[in-house]
């Protein structure tokens, strides 16, 4: 039987190309759609909002960190695709005891490209995955390098305030925009306004996800850091590591060089 190694260095075996796939991560769900797997993906999470047609038609199996294991069993998957950071470890381990589970672990752009290749091989879509990674690579390659690096803070949550730090895929994407992360010491630090003021970022980025920052939140950051530029950003381009990366370079170009 064919063997496939995931990004946790685990090996799974499949005795045939999968025909009942569950996707536990939004960015990987979108990738499966772009690989042309409409007929074989049978379940997605409630956060898998792209493509909209799948969100409205596929069975939803709970949240990324609170999966409905009963629904999963009823769907009888022959392959489950998850992610180390986005899914709950105990639930994943329970699923691993009953089904083939392929896990990604993505912190960098090369990790993302490797994940796309891996899922393409796993799902008998190797040529399609190669085409997607080729376009992503080329588009990032021609993305202009900003002439000036700006110290930046990227906020993902409110109450408590939380930022994306080092070792995250968000941090990797910030680098392509010429942003140097203010908070290099942990992955998702809790940040008070006092800490933010001491960090003195030139740019403060407020993400659309997981917390949906809006225009109304700009003022409280501006009052705390009057010298900083506050920007609302589309979090999908900073944190989705599947085929959404095809569109990320153009978004970054418009964000930085507008």
C-alpha atoms as a PDB file:
ATOM      1  CA  UNK A   1       0.000   0.000   0.000  1.00  0.00           C
ATOM      2  CA  UNK A   2       1.227   3.525  -0.753  1.00  0.00           C
ATOM      3  CA  UNK A   3       2.783   5.337   2.213  1.00  0.00           C
ATOM      4  CA  UNK A   4       2.696   9.092   2.807  1.00  0.00           C
ATOM      5  CA  UNK A   5       4.735  11.064   5.331  1.00  0.00           C
ATOM      6  CA  UNK A   6       3.122  14.109   6.931  1.00  0.00           C
ATOM      7  CA  UNK A   7       4.771  17.208   8.398  1.00  0.00           C
ATOM      8  CA  UNK A   8       4.919  15.670  11.866  1.00  0.00           C
ATOM      9  CA  UNK A   9       7.149  12.976  10.338  1.00  0.00           C
ATOM     10  CA  UNK A  10       4.400  10.384  10.705  1.00  0.00           C
ATOM     11  CA  UNK A  11       3.631   7.805   8.019  1.00  0.00           C
ATOM     12  CA  UNK A  12       0.119   6.881   6.956  1.00  0.00           C
ATOM     13  CA  UNK A  13      -0.892   4.234   4.444  1.00  0.00           C
ATOM     14  CA  UNK A  14      -3.809   4.337   2.016  1.00  0.00           C
ATOM     15  CA  UNK A  15      -4.940   1.318   0.042  1.00  0.00           C
ATOM     16  CA  UNK A  16      -6.631   3.527  -2.594  1.00  0.00           C
ATOM     17  CA  UNK A  17      -6.972   7.176  -3.556  1.00  0.00           C
ATOM     18  CA  UNK A  18      -9.217   8.780  -0.905  1.00  0.00           C
ATOM     19  CA  UNK A  19     -12.886   9.200  -1.785  1.00  0.00           C
ATOM     20  CA  UNK A  20     -14.225  10.519   1.552  1.00  0.00           C
ATOM     21  CA  UNK A  21     -11.996  13.312   2.856  1.00  0.00           C
ATOM     22  CA  UNK A  22     -12.536  15.474   5.935  1.00  0.00           C
ATOM     23  CA  UNK A  23     -10.705  18.808   6.134  1.00  0.00           C
ATOM     24  CA  UNK A  24     -10.162  20.267   9.597  1.00  0.00           C
ATOM     25  CA  UNK A  25      -8.501  23.566   8.576  1.00  0.00           C
ATOM     26  CA  UNK A  26      -9.939  26.482   6.523  1.00  0.00           C
ATOM     27  CA  UNK A  27      -6.830  27.212   4.442  1.00  0.00           C
ATOM     28  CA  UNK A  28      -6.427  23.532   3.560  1.00  0.00           C
ATOM     29  CA  UNK A  29     -10.112  23.248   2.693  1.00  0.00           C
ATOM     30  CA  UNK A  30      -9.689  25.996   0.120  1.00  0.00           C
ATOM     31  CA  UNK A  31      -6.620  24.167  -1.218  1.00  0.00           C
ATOM     32  CA  UNK A  32      -8.624  20.948  -1.654  1.00  0.00           C
ATOM     33  CA  UNK A  33     -11.185  22.894  -3.671  1.00  0.00           C
ATOM     34  CA  UNK A  34      -8.480  24.384  -5.889  1.00  0.00           C
ATOM     35  CA  UNK A  35      -7.058  20.895  -6.406  1.00  0.00           C
ATOM     36  CA  UNK A  36     -10.408  19.895  -7.908  1.00  0.00           C
ATOM     37  CA  UNK A  37     -11.592  17.599  -5.113  1.00  0.00           C
ATOM     38  CA  UNK A  38     -15.220  18.694  -4.932  1.00  0.00           C
ATOM     39  CA  UNK A  39     -16.651  15.181  -5.174  1.00  0.00           C
ATOM     40  CA  UNK A  40     -14.472  13.608  -2.496  1.00  0.00           C
ATOM     41  CA  UNK A  41     -14.464  16.180   0.320  1.00  0.00           C
ATOM     42  CA  UNK A  42     -17.427  15.207   2.489  1.00  0.00           C
ATOM     43  CA  UNK A  43     -16.869  17.259   5.645  1.00  0.00           C
ATOM     44  CA  UNK A  44     -15.389  20.610   6.703  1.00  0.00           C
ATOM     45  CA  UNK A  45     -15.339  22.735   9.856  1.00  0.00           C
ATOM     46  CA  UNK A  46     -17.666  25.609  10.648  1.00  0.00           C
ATOM     47  CA  UNK A  47     -14.708  27.975  10.058  1.00  0.00           C
ATOM     48  CA  UNK A  48     -14.092  26.698   6.510  1.00  0.00           C
ATOM     49  CA  UNK A  49     -15.807  29.637   4.842  1.00  0.00           C
ATOM     50  CA  UNK A  50     -14.067  29.289   1.450  1.00  0.00           C
ATOM     51  CA  UNK A  51     -15.296  28.384  -1.017  1.00  0.00           C
ATOM     52  CA  UNK A  52     -18.747  29.658  -0.094  1.00  0.00           C
ATOM     53  CA  UNK A  53     -20.393  26.882  -2.115  1.00  0.00           C
ATOM     54  CA  UNK A  54     -18.726  24.264   0.082  1.00  0.00           C
ATOM     55  CA  UNK A  55     -19.593  26.140   3.268  1.00  0.00           C
ATOM     56  CA  UNK A  56     -23.247  26.033   2.218  1.00  0.00           C
ATOM     57  CA  UNK A  57     -23.286  22.436   0.973  1.00  0.00           C
ATOM     58  CA  UNK A  58     -20.735  20.270   2.801  1.00  0.00           C
ATOM     59  CA  UNK A  59     -21.377  18.634   6.169  1.00  0.00           C
ATOM     60  CA  UNK A  60     -19.911  20.725   8.995  1.00  0.00           C
ATOM     61  CA  UNK A  61     -18.121  18.807  11.721  1.00  0.00           C
ATOM     62  CA  UNK A  62     -17.712  21.461  14.418  1.00  0.00           C
ATOM     63  CA  UNK A  63     -14.947  23.984  15.038  1.00  0.00           C
ATOM     64  CA  UNK A  64     -11.260  23.463  14.405  1.00  0.00           C
ATOM     65  CA  UNK A  65     -10.586  22.983  18.123  1.00  0.00           C
ATOM     66  CA  UNK A  66     -13.947  21.460  19.041  1.00  0.00           C
ATOM     67  CA  UNK A  67     -14.698  18.776  16.476  1.00  0.00           C
ATOM     68  CA  UNK A  68     -17.919  16.782  16.593  1.00  0.00           C
ATOM     69  CA  UNK A  69     -16.492  13.266  16.710  1.00  0.00           C
ATOM     70  CA  UNK A  70     -19.943  11.696  16.389  1.00  0.00           C
ATOM     71  CA  UNK A  71     -20.539  13.504  13.083  1.00  0.00           C
ATOM     72  CA  UNK A  72     -17.082  12.495  11.914  1.00  0.00           C
ATOM     73  CA  UNK A  73     -17.769   8.830  12.594  1.00  0.00           C
ATOM     74  CA  UNK A  74     -21.074   9.050  10.718  1.00  0.00           C
ATOM     75  CA  UNK A  75     -19.306  10.458   7.653  1.00  0.00           C
ATOM     76  CA  UNK A  76     -16.985   7.409   7.536  1.00  0.00           C
ATOM     77  CA  UNK A  77     -13.912   9.234   6.209  1.00  0.00           C
ATOM     78  CA  UNK A  78     -11.085   7.371   4.537  1.00  0.00           C
ATOM     79  CA  UNK A  79      -8.742  10.361   5.065  1.00  0.00           C
ATOM     80  CA  UNK A  80      -8.647  13.257   7.527  1.00  0.00           C
ATOM     81  CA  UNK A  81      -6.390  16.274   6.956  1.00  0.00           C
ATOM     82  CA  UNK A  82      -5.531  18.501   9.933  1.00  0.00           C
ATOM     83  CA  UNK A  83      -2.913  20.865  11.345  1.00  0.00           C
ATOM     84  CA  UNK A  84      -0.762  20.748  14.482  1.00  0.00           C
ATOM     85  CA  UNK A  85      -1.529  24.286  15.626  1.00  0.00           C
ATOM     86  CA  UNK A  86      -5.134  24.682  14.556  1.00  0.00           C
ATOM     87  CA  UNK A  87      -6.567  21.406  15.866  1.00  0.00           C
ATOM     88  CA  UNK A  88      -6.851  20.028  19.390  1.00  0.00           C
ATOM     89  CA  UNK A  89      -4.173  17.424  20.087  1.00  0.00           C
ATOM     90  CA  UNK A  90      -6.353  15.080  22.154  1.00  0.00           C
ATOM     91  CA  UNK A  91      -9.083  15.003  19.518  1.00  0.00           C
ATOM     92  CA  UNK A  92      -6.556  14.426  16.738  1.00  0.00           C
ATOM     93  CA  UNK A  93      -4.981  11.560  18.648  1.00  0.00           C
ATOM     94  CA  UNK A  94      -8.408   9.975  19.112  1.00  0.00           C
ATOM     95  CA  UNK A  95      -9.065  10.263  15.368  1.00  0.00           C
ATOM     96  CA  UNK A  96      -5.632   8.816  14.592  1.00  0.00           C
ATOM     97  CA  UNK A  97      -6.611   5.647  16.435  1.00  0.00           C
ATOM     98  CA  UNK A  98      -9.443   5.034  13.957  1.00  0.00           C
ATOM     99  CA  UNK A  99      -8.605   6.763  10.654  1.00  0.00           C
ATOM    100  CA  UNK A 100      -5.681   7.785   8.458  1.00  0.00           C
ATOM    101  CA  UNK A 101      -4.885  11.341   9.594  1.00  0.00           C
ATOM    102  CA  UNK A 102      -2.380  13.493   7.687  1.00  0.00           C
ATOM    103  CA  UNK A 103      -1.097  16.493   9.675  1.00  0.00           C
ATOM    104  CA  UNK A 104       0.532  19.690   8.509  1.00  0.00           C
ATOM    105  CA  UNK A 105       2.858  21.924  10.520  1.00  0.00           C
ATOM    106  CA  UNK A 106       3.420  25.219   8.708  1.00  0.00           C
ATOM    107  CA  UNK A 107       5.569  28.081   9.973  1.00  0.00           C
ATOM    108  CA  UNK A 108       7.316  29.271   6.803  1.00  0.00           C
ATOM    109  CA  UNK A 109       6.618  29.674   3.106  1.00  0.00           C
ATOM    110  CA  UNK A 110       8.732  26.570   2.261  1.00  0.00           C
ATOM    111  CA  UNK A 111       6.645  24.639   4.822  1.00  0.00           C
ATOM    112  CA  UNK A 112       3.483  25.787   3.030  1.00  0.00           C
ATOM    113  CA  UNK A 113       4.795  24.734  -0.372  1.00  0.00           C
ATOM    114  CA  UNK A 114       5.802  21.352   1.060  1.00  0.00           C
ATOM    115  CA  UNK A 115       2.304  20.958   2.548  1.00  0.00           C
ATOM    116  CA  UNK A 116       0.668  21.695  -0.818  1.00  0.00           C
ATOM    117  CA  UNK A 117       2.881  19.128  -2.545  1.00  0.00           C
ATOM    118  CA  UNK A 118       2.157  16.602   0.214  1.00  0.00           C
ATOM    119  CA  UNK A 119      -1.607  16.967  -0.015  1.00  0.00           C
ATOM    120  CA  UNK A 120      -1.415  16.837  -3.803  1.00  0.00           C
ATOM    121  CA  UNK A 121       0.420  13.495  -3.646  1.00  0.00           C
ATOM    122  CA  UNK A 122      -1.915  12.213  -0.953  1.00  0.00           C
ATOM    123  CA  UNK A 123      -5.056  13.008  -2.950  1.00  0.00           C
ATOM    124  CA  UNK A 124      -3.780  11.939  -6.405  1.00  0.00           C
ATOM    125  CA  UNK A 125      -3.500  15.567  -7.525  1.00  0.00           C
ATOM    126  CA  UNK A 126       0.282  15.839  -7.898  1.00  0.00           C
ATOM    127  CA  UNK A 127       0.297  17.840 -11.188  1.00  0.00           C
ATOM    128  CA  UNK A 128      -2.297  20.299  -9.905  1.00  0.00           C
ATOM    129  CA  UNK A 129      -0.362  20.834  -6.655  1.00  0.00           C
ATOM    130  CA  UNK A 130       2.863  21.382  -8.600  1.00  0.00           C
ATOM    131  CA  UNK A 131       1.141  24.029 -10.722  1.00  0.00           C
ATOM    132  CA  UNK A 132      -0.151  25.864  -7.644  1.00  0.00           C
ATOM    133  CA  UNK A 133       3.246  25.858  -5.916  1.00  0.00           C
ATOM    134  CA  UNK A 134       4.973  27.019  -9.100  1.00  0.00           C
ATOM    135  CA  UNK A 135       2.692  30.040  -9.356  1.00  0.00           C
ATOM    136  CA  UNK A 136       3.045  30.854  -5.634  1.00  0.00           C
ATOM    137  CA  UNK A 137       6.838  30.646  -5.848  1.00  0.00           C
ATOM    138  CA  UNK A 138       6.987  32.876  -8.917  1.00  0.00           C
ATOM    139  CA  UNK A 139       4.644  35.487  -7.461  1.00  0.00           C
ATOM    140  CA  UNK A 140       6.581  35.765  -4.208  1.00  0.00           C
ATOM    141  CA  UNK A 141       9.832  35.877  -6.177  1.00  0.00           C
ATOM    142  CA  UNK A 142       8.787  39.022  -8.059  1.00  0.00           C
ATOM    143  CA  UNK A 143       7.297  40.732  -4.986  1.00  0.00           C
ATOM    144  CA  UNK A 144       9.382  43.901  -4.502  1.00  0.00           C
ATOM    145  CA  UNK A 145      11.557  44.084  -1.412  1.00  0.00           C
ATOM    146  CA  UNK A 146      10.552  47.107   0.676  1.00  0.00           C
ATOM    147  CA  UNK A 147      13.382  49.640   0.852  1.00  0.00           C
ATOM    148  CA  UNK A 148      12.710  50.316   4.533  1.00  0.00           C
ATOM    149  CA  UNK A 149      11.897  47.854   7.298  1.00  0.00           C
ATOM    150  CA  UNK A 150       9.336  49.045   9.825  1.00  0.00           C
ATOM    151  CA  UNK A 151       8.894  47.736  13.356  1.00  0.00           C
ATOM    152  CA  UNK A 152       5.360  46.351  13.535  1.00  0.00           C
ATOM    153  CA  UNK A 153       2.874  44.657  15.856  1.00  0.00           C
ATOM    154  CA  UNK A 154       0.221  42.304  14.456  1.00  0.00           C
ATOM    155  CA  UNK A 155      -2.842  41.882  16.689  1.00  0.00           C
ATOM    156  CA  UNK A 156      -5.058  38.821  16.451  1.00  0.00           C
ATOM    157  CA  UNK A 157      -7.261  39.135  19.552  1.00  0.00           C
ATOM    158  CA  UNK A 158      -8.986  41.563  21.901  1.00  0.00           C
ATOM    159  CA  UNK A 159      -9.753  41.032  25.613  1.00  0.00           C
ATOM    160  CA  UNK A 160      -7.061  40.072  26.175  1.00  0.00           C
ATOM    161  CA  UNK A 161      -4.989  41.802  23.537  1.00  0.00           C
ATOM    162  CA  UNK A 162      -2.878  39.185  21.783  1.00  0.00           C
ATOM    163  CA  UNK A 163      -0.315  39.518  19.021  1.00  0.00           C
ATOM    164  CA  UNK A 164       1.366  37.133  16.607  1.00  0.00           C
ATOM    165  CA  UNK A 165       5.016  36.629  17.477  1.00  0.00           C
ATOM    166  CA  UNK A 166       8.007  34.698  16.216  1.00  0.00           C
ATOM    167  CA  UNK A 167       7.635  31.140  14.959  1.00  0.00           C
ATOM    168  CA  UNK A 168       4.242  31.827  13.395  1.00  0.00           C
ATOM    169  CA  UNK A 169       3.277  31.830   9.735  1.00  0.00           C
ATOM    170  CA  UNK A 170       1.951  35.363  10.253  1.00  0.00           C
ATOM    171  CA  UNK A 171       5.434  36.456  11.265  1.00  0.00           C
ATOM    172  CA  UNK A 172       6.808  34.921   8.071  1.00  0.00           C
ATOM    173  CA  UNK A 173       4.344  36.885   5.938  1.00  0.00           C
ATOM    174  CA  UNK A 174       5.123  40.098   7.826  1.00  0.00           C
ATOM    175  CA  UNK A 175       8.729  39.799   6.646  1.00  0.00           C
ATOM    176  CA  UNK A 176       7.617  39.885   3.003  1.00  0.00           C
ATOM    177  CA  UNK A 177       5.969  43.240   3.740  1.00  0.00           C
ATOM    178  CA  UNK A 178       9.138  44.657   5.295  1.00  0.00           C
ATOM    179  CA  UNK A 179       7.731  44.459   8.834  1.00  0.00           C
ATOM    180  CA  UNK A 180       9.999  43.523  11.755  1.00  0.00           C
ATOM    181  CA  UNK A 181       7.995  41.962  14.563  1.00  0.00           C
ATOM    182  CA  UNK A 182       8.008  43.915  17.844  1.00  0.00           C
ATOM    183  CA  UNK A 183       7.411  40.764  19.857  1.00  0.00           C
ATOM    184  CA  UNK A 184      10.080  38.150  19.062  1.00  0.00           C
ATOM    185  CA  UNK A 185      10.034  36.190  22.301  1.00  0.00           C
ATOM    186  CA  UNK A 186       6.913  34.003  22.034  1.00  0.00           C
ATOM    187  CA  UNK A 187       4.379  32.795  19.491  1.00  0.00           C
ATOM    188  CA  UNK A 188       1.181  34.484  20.674  1.00  0.00           C
ATOM    189  CA  UNK A 189       2.016  36.874  23.524  1.00  0.00           C
ATOM    190  CA  UNK A 190      -0.594  38.688  25.562  1.00  0.00           C
ATOM    191  CA  UNK A 191       0.125  42.402  25.137  1.00  0.00           C
ATOM    192  CA  UNK A 192      -0.990  45.295  27.330  1.00  0.00           C
ATOM    193  CA  UNK A 193      -1.037  48.817  25.953  1.00  0.00           C
ATOM    194  CA  UNK A 194       1.845  49.606  28.333  1.00  0.00           C
ATOM    195  CA  UNK A 195       3.932  46.858  26.709  1.00  0.00           C
ATOM    196  CA  UNK A 196       2.871  48.087  23.275  1.00  0.00           C
ATOM    197  CA  UNK A 197       3.905  51.646  24.071  1.00  0.00           C
ATOM    198  CA  UNK A 198       7.336  50.474  25.229  1.00  0.00           C
ATOM    199  CA  UNK A 199       7.744  48.439  22.020  1.00  0.00           C
ATOM    200  CA  UNK A 200       6.954  51.641  20.066  1.00  0.00           C
ATOM    201  CA  UNK A 201       5.912  50.068  16.730  1.00  0.00           C
ATOM    202  CA  UNK A 202       5.934  52.179  13.602  1.00  0.00           C
ATOM    203  CA  UNK A 203       3.011  50.095  12.254  1.00  0.00           C
ATOM    204  CA  UNK A 204       0.165  48.375  14.134  1.00  0.00           C
ATOM    205  CA  UNK A 205      -1.734  45.780  12.113  1.00  0.00           C
ATOM    206  CA  UNK A 206      -5.240  44.776  13.226  1.00  0.00           C
ATOM    207  CA  UNK A 207      -6.289  41.486  11.650  1.00  0.00           C
ATOM    208  CA  UNK A 208      -9.721  40.526  10.355  1.00  0.00           C
ATOM    209  CA  UNK A 209      -9.309  37.120  12.030  1.00  0.00           C
ATOM    210  CA  UNK A 210      -9.533  35.312  14.353  1.00  0.00           C
ATOM    211  CA  UNK A 211     -10.834  38.436  16.101  1.00  0.00           C
ATOM    212  CA  UNK A 212     -12.673  40.601  13.538  1.00  0.00           C
ATOM    213  CA  UNK A 213     -11.093  43.997  14.134  1.00  0.00           C
ATOM    214  CA  UNK A 214     -13.092  46.873  12.600  1.00  0.00           C
ATOM    215  CA  UNK A 215     -12.789  50.614  12.049  1.00  0.00           C
ATOM    216  CA  UNK A 216     -14.215  51.234  15.539  1.00  0.00           C
ATOM    217  CA  UNK A 217     -11.103  49.669  17.115  1.00  0.00           C
ATOM    218  CA  UNK A 218      -8.643  52.020  15.423  1.00  0.00           C
ATOM    219  CA  UNK A 219      -9.213  54.882  17.851  1.00  0.00           C
ATOM    220  CA  UNK A 220      -8.229  53.025  21.028  1.00  0.00           C
ATOM    221  CA  UNK A 221      -4.920  51.987  19.458  1.00  0.00           C
ATOM    222  CA  UNK A 222      -4.344  55.499  18.106  1.00  0.00           C
ATOM    223  CA  UNK A 223      -4.885  56.975  21.556  1.00  0.00           C
ATOM    224  CA  UNK A 224      -2.393  54.525  23.077  1.00  0.00           C
ATOM    225  CA  UNK A 225       0.180  54.961  20.283  1.00  0.00           C
ATOM    226  CA  UNK A 226      -0.409  58.350  18.635  1.00  0.00           C
ATOM    227  CA  UNK A 227       2.793  58.158  16.558  1.00  0.00           C
ATOM    228  CA  UNK A 228       1.999  54.727  15.085  1.00  0.00           C
ATOM    229  CA  UNK A 229       0.209  54.051  11.820  1.00  0.00           C
ATOM    230  CA  UNK A 230      -2.775  51.768  12.468  1.00  0.00           C
ATOM    231  CA  UNK A 231      -3.893  49.485   9.635  1.00  0.00           C
ATOM    232  CA  UNK A 232      -6.767  47.041   9.265  1.00  0.00           C
ATOM    233  CA  UNK A 233      -5.543  44.002   7.321  1.00  0.00           C
ATOM    234  CA  UNK A 234      -7.101  40.907   5.787  1.00  0.00           C
ATOM    235  CA  UNK A 235      -5.918  38.098   8.040  1.00  0.00           C
ATOM    236  CA  UNK A 236      -6.435  35.439   5.395  1.00  0.00           C
ATOM    237  CA  UNK A 237      -3.449  36.745   3.423  1.00  0.00           C
ATOM    238  CA  UNK A 238      -1.217  36.637   6.503  1.00  0.00           C
ATOM    239  CA  UNK A 239      -2.333  33.357   8.067  1.00  0.00           C
ATOM    240  CA  UNK A 240      -3.818  31.069   5.375  1.00  0.00           C
ATOM    241  CA  UNK A 241      -1.040  28.857   4.049  1.00  0.00           C
ATOM    242  CA  UNK A 242      -2.851  27.007   1.253  1.00  0.00           C
ATOM    243  CA  UNK A 243      -3.764  28.176  -2.233  1.00  0.00           C
ATOM    244  CA  UNK A 244      -4.757  31.621  -0.836  1.00  0.00           C
ATOM    245  CA  UNK A 245      -1.007  32.286  -1.120  1.00  0.00           C
ATOM    246  CA  UNK A 246      -1.589  32.712  -4.843  1.00  0.00           C
ATOM    247  CA  UNK A 247      -3.238  36.048  -4.051  1.00  0.00           C
ATOM    248  CA  UNK A 248      -1.111  37.141  -1.088  1.00  0.00           C
ATOM    249  CA  UNK A 249       1.791  38.796  -2.980  1.00  0.00           C
ATOM    250  CA  UNK A 250      -0.516  41.177  -4.825  1.00  0.00           C
ATOM    251  CA  UNK A 251      -2.276  42.048  -1.554  1.00  0.00           C
ATOM    252  CA  UNK A 252       1.070  42.726   0.130  1.00  0.00           C
ATOM    253  CA  UNK A 253       2.172  44.837  -2.828  1.00  0.00           C
ATOM    254  CA  UNK A 254      -0.925  47.020  -2.546  1.00  0.00           C
ATOM    255  CA  UNK A 255      -0.617  47.200   1.267  1.00  0.00           C
ATOM    256  CA  UNK A 256       3.014  48.316   1.319  1.00  0.00           C
ATOM    257  CA  UNK A 257       3.406  50.194  -1.959  1.00  0.00           C
ATOM    258  CA  UNK A 258      -0.004  51.892  -2.148  1.00  0.00           C
END
